[in-house]
N, C-alpha and C. Protein backbone atom coordinates (compact mmCIF):
# COMPACT_ATOMS: atom_id res chain seq x y z
N MET A 1 8.80 5.19 -20.24
CA MET A 1 8.40 3.94 -20.04
C MET A 1 6.86 3.81 -20.04
N ALA A 2 6.40 3.06 -21.01
CA ALA A 2 4.97 2.92 -21.24
C ALA A 2 4.38 1.92 -20.24
N GLY A 3 3.06 1.89 -20.02
CA GLY A 3 2.48 0.94 -19.14
C GLY A 3 1.87 1.64 -17.97
N LYS A 4 2.17 0.99 -16.76
CA LYS A 4 1.54 1.56 -15.45
C LYS A 4 2.20 2.90 -15.10
N PRO A 5 1.39 3.80 -14.69
CA PRO A 5 1.90 5.18 -14.24
C PRO A 5 2.71 5.00 -13.02
N GLU A 6 3.61 5.99 -12.75
CA GLU A 6 4.40 6.02 -11.53
C GLU A 6 3.53 6.03 -10.39
N LEU A 7 3.87 5.57 -9.14
CA LEU A 7 3.03 5.61 -7.97
C LEU A 7 2.60 7.10 -7.58
N SER A 8 3.56 8.01 -7.82
CA SER A 8 3.23 9.35 -7.45
C SER A 8 2.14 9.95 -8.29
N GLU A 9 1.92 9.32 -9.42
CA GLU A 9 0.85 9.81 -10.33
C GLU A 9 -0.41 8.94 -10.17
N ALA A 10 -0.41 7.95 -9.42
CA ALA A 10 -1.52 7.08 -9.29
C ALA A 10 -2.64 7.74 -8.38
N LYS A 11 -3.89 7.42 -8.79
CA LYS A 11 -5.08 7.91 -7.96
C LYS A 11 -5.47 6.85 -7.08
N PHE A 12 -5.50 7.13 -5.76
CA PHE A 12 -5.91 6.12 -4.78
C PHE A 12 -7.36 6.40 -4.32
N LEU A 13 -8.06 5.21 -4.22
CA LEU A 13 -9.47 5.31 -3.78
C LEU A 13 -9.69 4.64 -2.43
N THR A 14 -10.66 5.15 -1.71
CA THR A 14 -10.99 4.58 -0.41
C THR A 14 -11.85 3.33 -0.75
N VAL A 15 -11.96 2.41 0.26
CA VAL A 15 -12.77 1.27 0.18
C VAL A 15 -14.17 1.67 -0.20
N ALA A 16 -14.76 2.67 0.43
CA ALA A 16 -16.12 3.20 0.11
C ALA A 16 -16.25 3.66 -1.36
N GLU A 17 -15.12 4.25 -1.88
CA GLU A 17 -15.25 4.66 -3.26
C GLU A 17 -15.21 3.53 -4.16
N VAL A 18 -14.33 2.53 -3.90
CA VAL A 18 -14.29 1.28 -4.68
C VAL A 18 -15.65 0.59 -4.62
N ALA A 19 -16.23 0.40 -3.48
CA ALA A 19 -17.48 -0.25 -3.34
C ALA A 19 -18.59 0.46 -4.11
N ASP A 20 -18.52 1.77 -4.13
CA ASP A 20 -19.50 2.55 -4.90
C ASP A 20 -19.27 2.35 -6.38
N MET A 21 -18.08 2.34 -6.79
CA MET A 21 -17.79 2.20 -8.24
C MET A 21 -18.18 0.79 -8.73
N MET A 22 -18.01 -0.24 -7.85
CA MET A 22 -18.37 -1.62 -8.26
C MET A 22 -19.80 -1.96 -7.92
N ARG A 23 -20.50 -1.15 -7.24
CA ARG A 23 -21.86 -1.39 -6.84
C ARG A 23 -21.96 -2.58 -5.93
N VAL A 24 -21.02 -2.64 -4.95
CA VAL A 24 -21.07 -3.76 -3.92
C VAL A 24 -20.91 -3.12 -2.59
N SER A 25 -20.99 -3.94 -1.59
CA SER A 25 -20.86 -3.35 -0.21
C SER A 25 -19.31 -3.20 0.14
N LYS A 26 -19.09 -2.45 1.13
CA LYS A 26 -17.68 -2.23 1.63
C LYS A 26 -17.14 -3.55 2.07
N MET A 27 -17.92 -4.36 2.67
CA MET A 27 -17.50 -5.70 3.19
C MET A 27 -17.02 -6.58 2.05
N THR A 28 -17.59 -6.43 0.89
CA THR A 28 -17.15 -7.29 -0.30
C THR A 28 -15.78 -6.74 -0.73
N VAL A 29 -15.58 -5.46 -0.67
CA VAL A 29 -14.19 -4.94 -1.04
C VAL A 29 -13.23 -5.33 -0.07
N TYR A 30 -13.52 -5.31 1.24
CA TYR A 30 -12.59 -5.77 2.31
C TYR A 30 -12.18 -7.26 2.07
N ARG A 31 -13.27 -8.07 1.67
CA ARG A 31 -12.90 -9.51 1.42
C ARG A 31 -11.96 -9.62 0.28
N LEU A 32 -12.21 -8.83 -0.76
CA LEU A 32 -11.28 -8.93 -1.94
C LEU A 32 -9.87 -8.53 -1.53
N VAL A 33 -9.73 -7.49 -0.74
CA VAL A 33 -8.44 -7.03 -0.30
C VAL A 33 -7.76 -8.09 0.55
N HIS A 34 -8.45 -8.57 1.56
CA HIS A 34 -7.95 -9.53 2.48
C HIS A 34 -7.65 -10.84 1.84
N GLY A 35 -8.43 -11.22 0.74
CA GLY A 35 -8.16 -12.43 0.05
C GLY A 35 -7.00 -12.35 -1.04
N GLY A 36 -6.52 -11.17 -1.20
CA GLY A 36 -5.41 -10.94 -2.12
C GLY A 36 -5.87 -10.79 -3.57
N GLU A 37 -7.19 -10.73 -3.74
CA GLU A 37 -7.69 -10.50 -5.16
C GLU A 37 -7.57 -9.08 -5.67
N LEU A 38 -7.60 -8.14 -4.73
CA LEU A 38 -7.52 -6.74 -5.10
C LEU A 38 -6.42 -6.04 -4.28
N PRO A 39 -5.32 -5.65 -4.99
CA PRO A 39 -4.17 -5.03 -4.25
C PRO A 39 -4.63 -3.77 -3.59
N ALA A 40 -4.12 -3.55 -2.33
CA ALA A 40 -4.35 -2.32 -1.62
C ALA A 40 -3.21 -1.98 -0.68
N VAL A 41 -3.15 -0.72 -0.33
CA VAL A 41 -2.15 -0.22 0.52
C VAL A 41 -2.82 0.12 1.87
N ARG A 42 -2.17 -0.29 3.00
CA ARG A 42 -2.80 0.01 4.21
C ARG A 42 -2.19 1.33 4.71
N VAL A 43 -3.05 2.32 5.10
CA VAL A 43 -2.69 3.68 5.55
C VAL A 43 -3.32 3.75 6.96
N GLY A 44 -2.61 3.59 7.97
CA GLY A 44 -3.15 3.68 9.23
C GLY A 44 -3.99 2.45 9.44
N ARG A 45 -5.27 2.69 9.80
CA ARG A 45 -6.22 1.60 10.05
C ARG A 45 -7.12 1.35 8.80
N SER A 46 -6.90 2.10 7.71
CA SER A 46 -7.78 1.98 6.51
C SER A 46 -6.86 1.53 5.35
N PHE A 47 -7.58 1.17 4.27
CA PHE A 47 -6.94 0.72 2.94
C PHE A 47 -7.19 1.74 1.87
N ARG A 48 -6.27 1.73 0.93
CA ARG A 48 -6.45 2.55 -0.21
C ARG A 48 -6.15 1.70 -1.41
N VAL A 49 -6.92 1.77 -2.51
CA VAL A 49 -6.71 0.93 -3.75
C VAL A 49 -6.52 1.89 -4.92
N ARG A 50 -5.51 1.46 -5.69
CA ARG A 50 -5.22 2.28 -6.83
C ARG A 50 -6.44 2.17 -7.80
N GLU A 51 -6.87 3.31 -8.34
CA GLU A 51 -7.96 3.24 -9.30
C GLU A 51 -7.69 2.32 -10.48
N GLU A 52 -6.44 2.25 -10.98
CA GLU A 52 -6.11 1.33 -12.06
C GLU A 52 -6.28 -0.13 -11.59
N ASP A 53 -5.96 -0.49 -10.36
CA ASP A 53 -6.12 -1.80 -9.91
C ASP A 53 -7.63 -2.22 -9.82
N ALA A 54 -8.39 -1.34 -9.40
CA ALA A 54 -9.88 -1.48 -9.29
C ALA A 54 -10.41 -1.76 -10.68
N ASN A 55 -10.02 -0.85 -11.66
CA ASN A 55 -10.49 -1.04 -13.01
C ASN A 55 -10.04 -2.39 -13.60
N ASP A 56 -8.72 -2.76 -13.39
CA ASP A 56 -8.21 -3.99 -13.83
C ASP A 56 -8.95 -5.20 -13.26
N TYR A 57 -9.39 -5.15 -12.04
CA TYR A 57 -10.03 -6.19 -11.37
C TYR A 57 -11.49 -6.35 -12.07
N ILE A 58 -12.15 -5.21 -12.29
CA ILE A 58 -13.39 -5.33 -12.95
C ILE A 58 -13.29 -5.90 -14.42
N LYS A 59 -12.27 -5.42 -15.12
CA LYS A 59 -12.11 -5.93 -16.52
C LYS A 59 -11.83 -7.40 -16.56
N ASN A 60 -11.06 -7.85 -15.67
CA ASN A 60 -10.62 -9.28 -15.57
C ASN A 60 -11.69 -10.22 -14.98
N SER A 61 -12.79 -9.59 -14.49
CA SER A 61 -13.93 -10.43 -13.86
C SER A 61 -15.02 -10.73 -14.73
N PHE A 62 -14.97 -10.26 -16.00
CA PHE A 62 -16.08 -10.48 -16.95
C PHE A 62 -16.00 -11.93 -17.33
N TYR A 63 -17.13 -12.53 -17.68
CA TYR A 63 -17.19 -13.89 -18.13
C TYR A 63 -18.40 -13.98 -19.08
N ASN A 64 -18.36 -15.03 -19.92
CA ASN A 64 -19.50 -15.22 -20.91
C ASN A 64 -20.46 -16.16 -20.20
N ALA A 65 -21.75 -15.71 -20.04
CA ALA A 65 -22.76 -16.51 -19.39
C ALA A 65 -23.41 -17.51 -20.37
N GLY A 66 -23.23 -17.29 -21.60
CA GLY A 66 -23.88 -18.27 -22.45
C GLY A 66 -23.27 -18.39 -23.76
């Protein structure tokens, strides 16, 4: 089956890693997660975001400024 990889093959990132990748604060990532804009899995008291979901969010956030 083509498309998204199986969950067992997915690479999960911490909120800090996503924030570093996007060059934003961790609070911004938490806002995206809590607002439902960025899918995440809760593990204990922390969140994990699939690398693919973070990349998709970035790709879908581009807009033409002019």
